[in-house]
């Protein structure tokens, strides 16, 4: 079992709050569009692609945590492969947002 410290908990709360803010903003936009009767197929596709599943959010959080650990242990291992993996994970995480 993994024991989280205060900083880990604060980071997790910050991420969770940010995700909630994004979902509220998307909901507000969707409701405004519906009320203004401007719902087209393109709009619905764009809005629906912005929602992520809870599993996807956990996956992104795990990737973020992996990046942090790789960053913290970077000097201890001095591995080019781990550095390349860290950079690739950062790139994938940025692309997914």
PDB file of N, CA and C in Angstrom:
ATOM      1  N   UNK A   1       0.837  -1.177   0.000  1.00  0.00           N
ATOM      2  CA  UNK A   1       0.000   0.000   0.000  1.00  0.00           C
ATOM      3  C   UNK A   1       0.881   1.239   0.000  1.00  0.00           C
ATOM      4  N   UNK A   2       0.515   2.227  -0.796  1.00  0.00           N
ATOM      5  CA  UNK A   2       1.303   3.442  -0.923  1.00  0.00           C
ATOM      6  C   UNK A   2       0.828   4.470   0.110  1.00  0.00           C
ATOM      7  N   UNK A   3       1.759   5.087   0.820  1.00  0.00           N
ATOM      8  CA  UNK A   3       1.426   6.102   1.804  1.00  0.00           C
ATOM      9  C   UNK A   3       1.707   7.462   1.185  1.00  0.00           C
ATOM     10  N   UNK A   4       0.710   8.318   1.181  1.00  0.00           N
ATOM     11  CA  UNK A   4       0.856   9.643   0.593  1.00  0.00           C
ATOM     12  C   UNK A   4       1.257  10.642   1.673  1.00  0.00           C
ATOM     13  N   UNK A   5       2.095  11.581   1.289  1.00  0.00           N
ATOM     14  CA  UNK A   5       2.427  12.637   2.224  1.00  0.00           C
ATOM     15  C   UNK A   5       1.518  13.839   1.957  1.00  0.00           C
ATOM     16  N   UNK A   6       1.661  14.890   2.751  1.00  0.00           N
ATOM     17  CA  UNK A   6       0.776  16.051   2.623  1.00  0.00           C
ATOM     18  C   UNK A   6       0.854  16.679   1.237  1.00  0.00           C
ATOM     19  N   UNK A   7       2.057  16.784   0.679  1.00  0.00           N
ATOM     20  CA  UNK A   7       2.201  17.390  -0.645  1.00  0.00           C
ATOM     21  C   UNK A   7       1.486  16.577  -1.713  1.00  0.00           C
ATOM     22  N   UNK A   8       1.557  15.253  -1.601  1.00  0.00           N
ATOM     23  CA  UNK A   8       0.843  14.393  -2.553  1.00  0.00           C
ATOM     24  C   UNK A   8      -0.660  14.610  -2.456  1.00  0.00           C
ATOM     25  N   UNK A   9      -1.153  14.722  -1.230  1.00  0.00           N
ATOM     26  CA  UNK A   9      -2.588  14.939  -1.033  1.00  0.00           C
ATOM     27  C   UNK A   9      -3.021  16.298  -1.569  1.00  0.00           C
ATOM     28  N   UNK A  10      -2.218  17.317  -1.322  1.00  0.00           N
ATOM     29  CA  UNK A  10      -2.528  18.654  -1.835  1.00  0.00           C
ATOM     30  C   UNK A  10      -2.540  18.641  -3.353  1.00  0.00           C
ATOM     31  N   UNK A  11      -1.567  17.977  -3.955  1.00  0.00           N
ATOM     32  CA  UNK A  11      -1.515  17.870  -5.414  1.00  0.00           C
ATOM     33  C   UNK A  11      -2.741  17.148  -5.951  1.00  0.00           C
ATOM     34  N   UNK A  12      -3.127  16.074  -5.299  1.00  0.00           N
ATOM     35  CA  UNK A  12      -4.310  15.320  -5.739  1.00  0.00           C
ATOM     36  C   UNK A  12      -5.576  16.165  -5.616  1.00  0.00           C
ATOM     37  N   UNK A  13      -5.695  16.919  -4.540  1.00  0.00           N
ATOM     38  CA  UNK A  13      -6.862  17.790  -4.355  1.00  0.00           C
ATOM     39  C   UNK A  13      -6.876  18.880  -5.416  1.00  0.00           C
ATOM     40  N   UNK A  14      -5.713  19.461  -5.701  1.00  0.00           N
ATOM     41  CA  UNK A  14      -5.627  20.487  -6.744  1.00  0.00           C
ATOM     42  C   UNK A  14      -6.051  19.935  -8.097  1.00  0.00           C
ATOM     43  N   UNK A  15      -5.577  18.750  -8.428  1.00  0.00           N
ATOM     44  CA  UNK A  15      -5.948  18.126  -9.710  1.00  0.00           C
ATOM     45  C   UNK A  15      -7.447  17.865  -9.772  1.00  0.00           C
ATOM     46  N   UNK A  16      -7.980  17.339  -8.684  1.00  0.00           N
ATOM     47  CA  UNK A  16      -9.405  17.028  -8.636  1.00  0.00           C
ATOM     48  C   UNK A  16     -10.241  18.295  -8.780  1.00  0.00           C
ATOM     49  N   UNK A  17      -9.854  19.345  -8.092  1.00  0.00           N
ATOM     50  CA  UNK A  17     -10.587  20.611  -8.186  1.00  0.00           C
ATOM     51  C   UNK A  17     -10.518  21.174  -9.599  1.00  0.00           C
ATOM     52  N   UNK A  18      -9.357  21.083 -10.224  1.00  0.00           N
ATOM     53  CA  UNK A  18      -9.202  21.566 -11.602  1.00  0.00           C
ATOM     54  C   UNK A  18     -10.105  20.781 -12.552  1.00  0.00           C
ATOM     55  N   UNK A  19     -10.161  19.469 -12.383  1.00  0.00           N
ATOM     56  CA  UNK A  19     -11.040  18.648 -13.226  1.00  0.00           C
ATOM     57  C   UNK A  19     -12.497  19.027 -13.014  1.00  0.00           C
ATOM     58  N   UNK A  20     -12.877  19.280 -11.769  1.00  0.00           N
ATOM     59  CA  UNK A  20     -14.253  19.696 -11.489  1.00  0.00           C
ATOM     60  C   UNK A  20     -14.569  21.034 -12.149  1.00  0.00           C
ATOM     61  N   UNK A  21     -13.633  21.970 -12.081  1.00  0.00           N
ATOM     62  CA  UNK A  21     -13.827  23.271 -12.728  1.00  0.00           C
ATOM     63  C   UNK A  21     -14.012  23.108 -14.233  1.00  0.00           C
ATOM     64  N   UNK A  22     -13.206  22.261 -14.843  1.00  0.00           N
ATOM     65  CA  UNK A  22     -13.326  22.035 -16.283  1.00  0.00           C
ATOM     66  C   UNK A  22     -14.685  21.441 -16.632  1.00  0.00           C
ATOM     67  N   UNK A  23     -15.134  20.495 -15.851  1.00  0.00           N
ATOM     68  CA  UNK A  23     -16.445  19.870 -16.117  1.00  0.00           C
ATOM     69  C   UNK A  23     -17.588  20.872 -15.929  1.00  0.00           C
ATOM     70  N   UNK A  24     -17.499  21.718 -14.907  1.00  0.00           N
ATOM     71  CA  UNK A  24     -18.532  22.738 -14.695  1.00  0.00           C
ATOM     72  C   UNK A  24     -18.547  23.714 -15.870  1.00  0.00           C
ATOM     73  N   UNK A  25     -17.371  24.127 -16.329  1.00  0.00           N
ATOM     74  CA  UNK A  25     -17.298  25.028 -17.483  1.00  0.00           C
ATOM     75  C   UNK A  25     -17.898  24.392 -18.729  1.00  0.00           C
ATOM     76  N   UNK A  26     -17.605  23.114 -18.957  1.00  0.00           N
ATOM     77  CA  UNK A  26     -18.164  22.425 -20.119  1.00  0.00           C
ATOM     78  C   UNK A  26     -19.680  22.310 -19.992  1.00  0.00           C
ATOM     79  N   UNK A  27     -20.164  22.020 -18.802  1.00  0.00           N
ATOM     80  CA  UNK A  27     -21.605  21.905 -18.579  1.00  0.00           C
ATOM     81  C   UNK A  27     -22.282  23.262 -18.825  1.00  0.00           C
ATOM     82  N   UNK A  28     -21.674  24.325 -18.330  1.00  0.00           N
ATOM     83  CA  UNK A  28     -22.213  25.671 -18.527  1.00  0.00           C
ATOM     84  C   UNK A  28     -22.297  25.996 -20.012  1.00  0.00           C
ATOM     85  N   UNK A  29     -21.245  25.703 -20.734  1.00  0.00           N
ATOM     86  CA  UNK A  29     -21.211  25.957 -22.176  1.00  0.00           C
ATOM     87  C   UNK A  29     -22.286  25.146 -22.897  1.00  0.00           C
ATOM     88  N   UNK A  30     -22.422  23.891 -22.533  1.00  0.00           N
ATOM     89  CA  UNK A  30     -23.425  23.028 -23.160  1.00  0.00           C
ATOM     90  C   UNK A  30     -24.834  23.540 -22.884  1.00  0.00           C
ATOM     91  N   UNK A  31     -25.122  23.878 -21.639  1.00  0.00           N
ATOM     92  CA  UNK A  31     -26.456  24.371 -21.292  1.00  0.00           C
ATOM     93  C   UNK A  31     -26.756  25.687 -21.999  1.00  0.00           C
ATOM     94  N   UNK A  32     -25.784  26.569 -22.070  1.00  0.00           N
ATOM     95  CA  UNK A  32     -25.970  27.850 -22.761  1.00  0.00           C
ATOM     96  C   UNK A  32     -26.277  27.615 -24.236  1.00  0.00           C
ATOM     97  N   UNK A  33     -25.535  26.716 -24.843  1.00  0.00           N
ATOM     98  CA  UNK A  33     -25.747  26.406 -26.256  1.00  0.00           C
ATOM     99  C   UNK A  33     -27.130  25.809 -26.483  1.00  0.00           C
ATOM    100  N   UNK A  34     -27.529  24.893 -25.621  1.00  0.00           N
ATOM    101  CA  UNK A  34     -28.853  24.273 -25.751  1.00  0.00           C
ATOM    102  C   UNK A  34     -29.948  25.321 -25.581  1.00  0.00           C
ATOM    103  N   UNK A  35     -29.810  26.169 -24.569  1.00  0.00           N
ATOM    104  CA  UNK A  35     -30.827  27.185 -24.323  1.00  0.00           C
ATOM    105  C   UNK A  35     -30.913  28.192 -25.466  1.00  0.00           C
ATOM    106  N   UNK A  36     -29.823  28.421 -26.140  1.00  0.00           N
ATOM    107  CA  UNK A  36     -29.827  29.336 -27.285  1.00  0.00           C
ATOM    108  C   UNK A  36     -30.185  28.602 -28.577  1.00  0.00           C
ATOM    109  N   UNK A  37     -30.474  27.314 -28.466  1.00  0.00           N
ATOM    110  CA  UNK A  37     -30.889  26.463 -29.582  1.00  0.00           C
ATOM    111  C   UNK A  37     -29.891  26.509 -30.742  1.00  0.00           C
ATOM    112  N   UNK A  38     -28.636  26.409 -30.402  1.00  0.00           N
ATOM    113  CA  UNK A  38     -27.589  26.390 -31.419  1.00  0.00           C
ATOM    114  C   UNK A  38     -26.786  25.104 -31.346  1.00  0.00           C
ATOM    115  N   UNK A  39     -27.445  24.028 -31.140  1.00  0.00           N
ATOM    116  CA  UNK A  39     -26.750  22.759 -31.007  1.00  0.00           C
ATOM    117  C   UNK A  39     -26.650  22.104 -32.375  1.00  0.00           C
ATOM    118  N   UNK A  40     -25.442  22.055 -32.895  1.00  0.00           N
ATOM    119  CA  UNK A  40     -25.188  21.365 -34.149  1.00  0.00           C
ATOM    120  C   UNK A  40     -24.369  20.118 -33.887  1.00  0.00           C
ATOM    121  N   UNK A  41     -24.261  19.289 -34.895  1.00  0.00           N
ATOM    122  CA  UNK A  41     -23.500  18.046 -34.743  1.00  0.00           C
ATOM    123  C   UNK A  41     -22.046  18.329 -34.375  1.00  0.00           C
ATOM    124  N   UNK A  42     -21.440  19.328 -35.003  1.00  0.00           N
ATOM    125  CA  UNK A  42     -20.046  19.674 -34.708  1.00  0.00           C
ATOM    126  C   UNK A  42     -19.863  20.126 -33.273  1.00  0.00           C
ATOM    127  N   UNK A  43     -20.808  20.917 -32.784  1.00  0.00           N
ATOM    128  CA  UNK A  43     -20.740  21.394 -31.401  1.00  0.00           C
ATOM    129  C   UNK A  43     -20.836  20.232 -30.423  1.00  0.00           C
ATOM    130  N   UNK A  44     -21.799  19.347 -30.669  1.00  0.00           N
ATOM    131  CA  UNK A  44     -21.946  18.186 -29.782  1.00  0.00           C
ATOM    132  C   UNK A  44     -20.717  17.295 -29.807  1.00  0.00           C
ATOM    133  N   UNK A  45     -20.130  17.103 -30.986  1.00  0.00           N
ATOM    134  CA  UNK A  45     -18.931  16.269 -31.099  1.00  0.00           C
ATOM    135  C   UNK A  45     -17.778  16.893 -30.316  1.00  0.00           C
ATOM    136  N   UNK A  46     -17.611  18.202 -30.457  1.00  0.00           N
ATOM    137  CA  UNK A  46     -16.528  18.907 -29.766  1.00  0.00           C
ATOM    138  C   UNK A  46     -16.717  18.825 -28.251  1.00  0.00           C
ATOM    139  N   UNK A  47     -17.942  19.046 -27.795  1.00  0.00           N
ATOM    140  CA  UNK A  47     -18.212  18.989 -26.362  1.00  0.00           C
ATOM    141  C   UNK A  47     -18.037  17.583 -25.801  1.00  0.00           C
ATOM    142  N   UNK A  48     -18.548  16.597 -26.512  1.00  0.00           N
ATOM    143  CA  UNK A  48     -18.454  15.227 -26.002  1.00  0.00           C
ATOM    144  C   UNK A  48     -17.026  14.712 -25.998  1.00  0.00           C
ATOM    145  N   UNK A  49     -16.193  15.201 -26.907  1.00  0.00           N
ATOM    146  CA  UNK A  49     -14.799  14.756 -26.921  1.00  0.00           C
ATOM    147  C   UNK A  49     -14.007  15.361 -25.772  1.00  0.00           C
ATOM    148  N   UNK A  50     -14.547  16.413 -25.152  1.00  0.00           N
ATOM    149  CA  UNK A  50     -13.859  17.068 -24.041  1.00  0.00           C
ATOM    150  C   UNK A  50     -14.049  16.335 -22.723  1.00  0.00           C
ATOM    151  N   UNK A  51     -15.094  15.514 -22.626  1.00  0.00           N
ATOM    152  CA  UNK A  51     -15.345  14.777 -21.396  1.00  0.00           C
ATOM    153  C   UNK A  51     -14.444  13.555 -21.335  1.00  0.00           C
ATOM    154  N   UNK A  52     -13.924  13.315 -20.167  1.00  0.00           N
ATOM    155  CA  UNK A  52     -13.093  12.126 -19.993  1.00  0.00           C
ATOM    156  C   UNK A  52     -13.726  11.231 -18.936  1.00  0.00           C
ATOM    157  N   UNK A  53     -13.444   9.980 -19.043  1.00  0.00           N
ATOM    158  CA  UNK A  53     -13.991   9.024 -18.079  1.00  0.00           C
ATOM    159  C   UNK A  53     -13.161   9.071 -16.796  1.00  0.00           C
ATOM    160  N   UNK A  54     -13.735   8.604 -15.686  1.00  0.00           N
ATOM    161  CA  UNK A  54     -12.958   8.551 -14.443  1.00  0.00           C
ATOM    162  C   UNK A  54     -11.695   7.701 -14.599  1.00  0.00           C
ATOM    163  N   UNK A  55     -11.787   6.641 -15.392  1.00  0.00           N
ATOM    164  CA  UNK A  55     -10.612   5.805 -15.632  1.00  0.00           C
ATOM    165  C   UNK A  55      -9.519   6.573 -16.352  1.00  0.00           C
ATOM    166  N   UNK A  56      -9.920   7.393 -17.308  1.00  0.00           N
ATOM    167  CA  UNK A  56      -8.949   8.203 -18.040  1.00  0.00           C
ATOM    168  C   UNK A  56      -8.292   9.214 -17.109  1.00  0.00           C
ATOM    169  N   UNK A  57      -9.069   9.808 -16.215  1.00  0.00           N
ATOM    170  CA  UNK A  57      -8.512  10.765 -15.258  1.00  0.00           C
ATOM    171  C   UNK A  57      -7.500  10.080 -14.343  1.00  0.00           C
ATOM    172  N   UNK A  58      -7.818   8.866 -13.888  1.00  0.00           N
ATOM    173  CA  UNK A  58      -6.870   8.117 -13.037  1.00  0.00           C
ATOM    174  C   UNK A  58      -5.604   7.774 -13.813  1.00  0.00           C
ATOM    175  N   UNK A  59      -5.779   7.414 -15.086  1.00  0.00           N
ATOM    176  CA  UNK A  59      -4.638   7.082 -15.926  1.00  0.00           C
ATOM    177  C   UNK A  59      -3.724   8.303 -16.092  1.00  0.00           C
ATOM    178  N   UNK A  60      -4.323   9.461 -16.351  1.00  0.00           N
ATOM    179  CA  UNK A  60      -3.539  10.689 -16.491  1.00  0.00           C
ATOM    180  C   UNK A  60      -2.835  11.037 -15.187  1.00  0.00           C
ATOM    181  N   UNK A  61      -3.520  10.836 -14.065  1.00  0.00           N
ATOM    182  CA  UNK A  61      -2.902  11.105 -12.766  1.00  0.00           C
ATOM    183  C   UNK A  61      -1.723  10.170 -12.526  1.00  0.00           C
ATOM    184  N   UNK A  62      -1.866   8.906 -12.911  1.00  0.00           N
ATOM    185  CA  UNK A  62      -0.771   7.941 -12.750  1.00  0.00           C
ATOM    186  C   UNK A  62       0.418   8.322 -13.621  1.00  0.00           C
ATOM    187  N   UNK A  63       0.147   8.772 -14.833  1.00  0.00           N
ATOM    188  CA  UNK A  63       1.241   9.215 -15.705  1.00  0.00           C
ATOM    189  C   UNK A  63       1.926  10.424 -15.084  1.00  0.00           C
ATOM    190  N   UNK A  64       1.139  11.367 -14.560  1.00  0.00           N
ATOM    191  CA  UNK A  64       1.720  12.540 -13.905  1.00  0.00           C
ATOM    192  C   UNK A  64       2.583  12.162 -12.722  1.00  0.00           C
ATOM    193  N   UNK A  65       2.120  11.218 -11.923  1.00  0.00           N
ATOM    194  CA  UNK A  65       2.897  10.755 -10.774  1.00  0.00           C
ATOM    195  C   UNK A  65       4.182  10.067 -11.230  1.00  0.00           C
ATOM    196  N   UNK A  66       4.096   9.279 -12.295  1.00  0.00           N
ATOM    197  CA  UNK A  66       5.281   8.607 -12.840  1.00  0.00           C
ATOM    198  C   UNK A  66       6.310   9.628 -13.291  1.00  0.00           C
ATOM    199  N   UNK A  67       5.841  10.681 -13.958  1.00  0.00           N
ATOM    200  CA  UNK A  67       6.740  11.745 -14.413  1.00  0.00           C
ATOM    201  C   UNK A  67       7.433  12.388 -13.219  1.00  0.00           C
ATOM    202  N   UNK A  68       6.670  12.668 -12.157  1.00  0.00           N
ATOM    203  CA  UNK A  68       7.252  13.280 -10.962  1.00  0.00           C
ATOM    204  C   UNK A  68       8.328  12.393 -10.342  1.00  0.00           C
ATOM    205  N   UNK A  69       8.058  11.096 -10.237  1.00  0.00           N
ATOM    206  CA  UNK A  69       9.030  10.167  -9.654  1.00  0.00           C
ATOM    207  C   UNK A  69      10.279  10.098 -10.526  1.00  0.00           C
ATOM    208  N   UNK A  70      10.088  10.022 -11.835  1.00  0.00           N
ATOM    209  CA  UNK A  70      11.244   9.989 -12.738  1.00  0.00           C
ATOM    210  C   UNK A  70      12.061  11.270 -12.614  1.00  0.00           C
ATOM    211  N   UNK A  71      11.386  12.391 -12.454  1.00  0.00           N
ATOM    212  CA  UNK A  71      12.081  13.671 -12.294  1.00  0.00           C
ATOM    213  C   UNK A  71      12.869  13.692 -10.980  1.00  0.00           C
ATOM    214  N   UNK A  72      12.255  13.212  -9.900  1.00  0.00           N
ATOM    215  CA  UNK A  72      12.907  13.222  -8.591  1.00  0.00           C
ATOM    216  C   UNK A  72      14.101  12.276  -8.527  1.00  0.00           C
ATOM    217  N   UNK A  73      14.072  11.172  -9.257  1.00  0.00           N
ATOM    218  CA  UNK A  73      15.150  10.180  -9.200  1.00  0.00           C
ATOM    219  C   UNK A  73      16.118  10.299 -10.377  1.00  0.00           C
ATOM    220  N   UNK A  74      15.950  11.338 -11.157  1.00  0.00           N
ATOM    221  CA  UNK A  74      16.746  11.526 -12.375  1.00  0.00           C
ATOM    222  C   UNK A  74      18.252  11.493 -12.098  1.00  0.00           C
ATOM    223  N   UNK A  75      18.692  12.203 -11.086  1.00  0.00           N
ATOM    224  CA  UNK A  75      20.130  12.283 -10.805  1.00  0.00           C
ATOM    225  C   UNK A  75      20.673  10.997 -10.191  1.00  0.00           C
ATOM    226  N   UNK A  76      19.826  10.271  -9.492  1.00  0.00           N
ATOM    227  CA  UNK A  76      20.275   9.038  -8.844  1.00  0.00           C
ATOM    228  C   UNK A  76      20.587   7.945  -9.861  1.00  0.00           C
ATOM    229  N   UNK A  77      19.823   7.885 -10.939  1.00  0.00           N
ATOM    230  CA  UNK A  77      20.002   6.798 -11.905  1.00  0.00           C
ATOM    231  C   UNK A  77      20.779   7.209 -13.148  1.00  0.00           C
ATOM    232  N   UNK A  78      20.666   8.459 -13.566  1.00  0.00           N
ATOM    233  CA  UNK A  78      21.379   8.980 -14.747  1.00  0.00           C
ATOM    234  C   UNK A  78      21.228   8.054 -15.953  1.00  0.00           C
ATOM    235  N   UNK A  79      20.009   7.648 -16.196  1.00  0.00           N
ATOM    236  CA  UNK A  79      19.725   6.736 -17.302  1.00  0.00           C
ATOM    237  C   UNK A  79      19.128   7.506 -18.471  1.00  0.00           C
ATOM    238  N   UNK A  80      19.732   7.356 -19.628  1.00  0.00           N
ATOM    239  CA  UNK A  80      19.214   7.998 -20.845  1.00  0.00           C
ATOM    240  C   UNK A  80      17.844   7.438 -21.204  1.00  0.00           C
ATOM    241  N   UNK A  81      17.639   6.155 -20.976  1.00  0.00           N
ATOM    242  CA  UNK A  81      16.348   5.529 -21.304  1.00  0.00           C
ATOM    243  C   UNK A  81      15.241   6.056 -20.395  1.00  0.00           C
ATOM    244  N   UNK A  82      15.552   6.221 -19.101  1.00  0.00           N
ATOM    245  CA  UNK A  82      14.548   6.773 -18.192  1.00  0.00           C
ATOM    246  C   UNK A  82      14.259   8.234 -18.527  1.00  0.00           C
ATOM    247  N   UNK A  83      15.287   8.963 -18.917  1.00  0.00           N
ATOM    248  CA  UNK A  83      15.088  10.356 -19.325  1.00  0.00           C
ATOM    249  C   UNK A  83      14.196  10.428 -20.566  1.00  0.00           C
ATOM    250  N   UNK A  84      14.456   9.564 -21.529  1.00  0.00           N
ATOM    251  CA  UNK A  84      13.641   9.535 -22.749  1.00  0.00           C
ATOM    252  C   UNK A  84      12.198   9.145 -22.423  1.00  0.00           C
ATOM    253  N   UNK A  85      12.030   8.194 -21.512  1.00  0.00           N
ATOM    254  CA  UNK A  85      10.689   7.780 -21.103  1.00  0.00           C
ATOM    255  C   UNK A  85       9.956   8.939 -20.428  1.00  0.00           C
ATOM    256  N   UNK A  86      10.638   9.635 -19.544  1.00  0.00           N
ATOM    257  CA  UNK A  86      10.040  10.783 -18.849  1.00  0.00           C
ATOM    258  C   UNK A  86       9.582  11.832 -19.849  1.00  0.00           C
ATOM    259  N   UNK A  87      10.434  12.156 -20.807  1.00  0.00           N
ATOM    260  CA  UNK A  87      10.091  13.168 -21.815  1.00  0.00           C
ATOM    261  C   UNK A  87       8.918  12.713 -22.676  1.00  0.00           C
ATOM    262  N   UNK A  88       8.892  11.430 -23.009  1.00  0.00           N
ATOM    263  CA  UNK A  88       7.787  10.899 -23.820  1.00  0.00           C
ATOM    264  C   UNK A  88       6.471  10.956 -23.046  1.00  0.00           C
ATOM    265  N   UNK A  89       6.511  10.605 -21.767  1.00  0.00           N
ATOM    266  CA  UNK A  89       5.302  10.669 -20.946  1.00  0.00           C
ATOM    267  C   UNK A  89       4.800  12.106 -20.810  1.00  0.00           C
ATOM    268  N   UNK A  90       5.702  13.045 -20.647  1.00  0.00           N
ATOM    269  CA  UNK A  90       5.314  14.458 -20.587  1.00  0.00           C
ATOM    270  C   UNK A  90       4.623  14.856 -21.880  1.00  0.00           C
ATOM    271  N   UNK A  91       5.208  14.467 -23.002  1.00  0.00           N
ATOM    272  CA  UNK A  91       4.640  14.790 -24.312  1.00  0.00           C
ATOM    273  C   UNK A  91       3.240  14.186 -24.473  1.00  0.00           C
ATOM    274  N   UNK A  92       3.080  12.934 -24.096  1.00  0.00           N
ATOM    275  CA  UNK A  92       1.777  12.257 -24.206  1.00  0.00           C
ATOM    276  C   UNK A  92       0.743  12.938 -23.313  1.00  0.00           C
ATOM    277  N   UNK A  93       1.142  13.301 -22.100  1.00  0.00           N
ATOM    278  CA  UNK A  93       0.218  13.948 -21.178  1.00  0.00           C
ATOM    279  C   UNK A  93      -0.222  15.309 -21.706  1.00  0.00           C
ATOM    280  N   UNK A  94       0.699  16.065 -22.273  1.00  0.00           N
ATOM    281  CA  UNK A  94       0.359  17.366 -22.859  1.00  0.00           C
ATOM    282  C   UNK A  94      -0.585  17.195 -24.036  1.00  0.00           C
ATOM    283  N   UNK A  95      -0.319  16.220 -24.890  1.00  0.00           N
ATOM    284  CA  UNK A  95      -1.179  15.976 -26.053  1.00  0.00           C
ATOM    285  C   UNK A  95      -2.589  15.576 -25.647  1.00  0.00           C
ATOM    286  N   UNK A  96      -2.728  14.889 -24.519  1.00  0.00           N
ATOM    287  CA  UNK A  96      -4.049  14.404 -24.108  1.00  0.00           C
ATOM    288  C   UNK A  96      -4.921  15.504 -23.525  1.00  0.00           C
ATOM    289  N   UNK A  97      -4.347  16.649 -23.228  1.00  0.00           N
ATOM    290  CA  UNK A  97      -5.138  17.759 -22.662  1.00  0.00           C
ATOM    291  C   UNK A  97      -5.656  18.588 -23.746  1.00  0.00           C
TER     292      UNK A  97
END
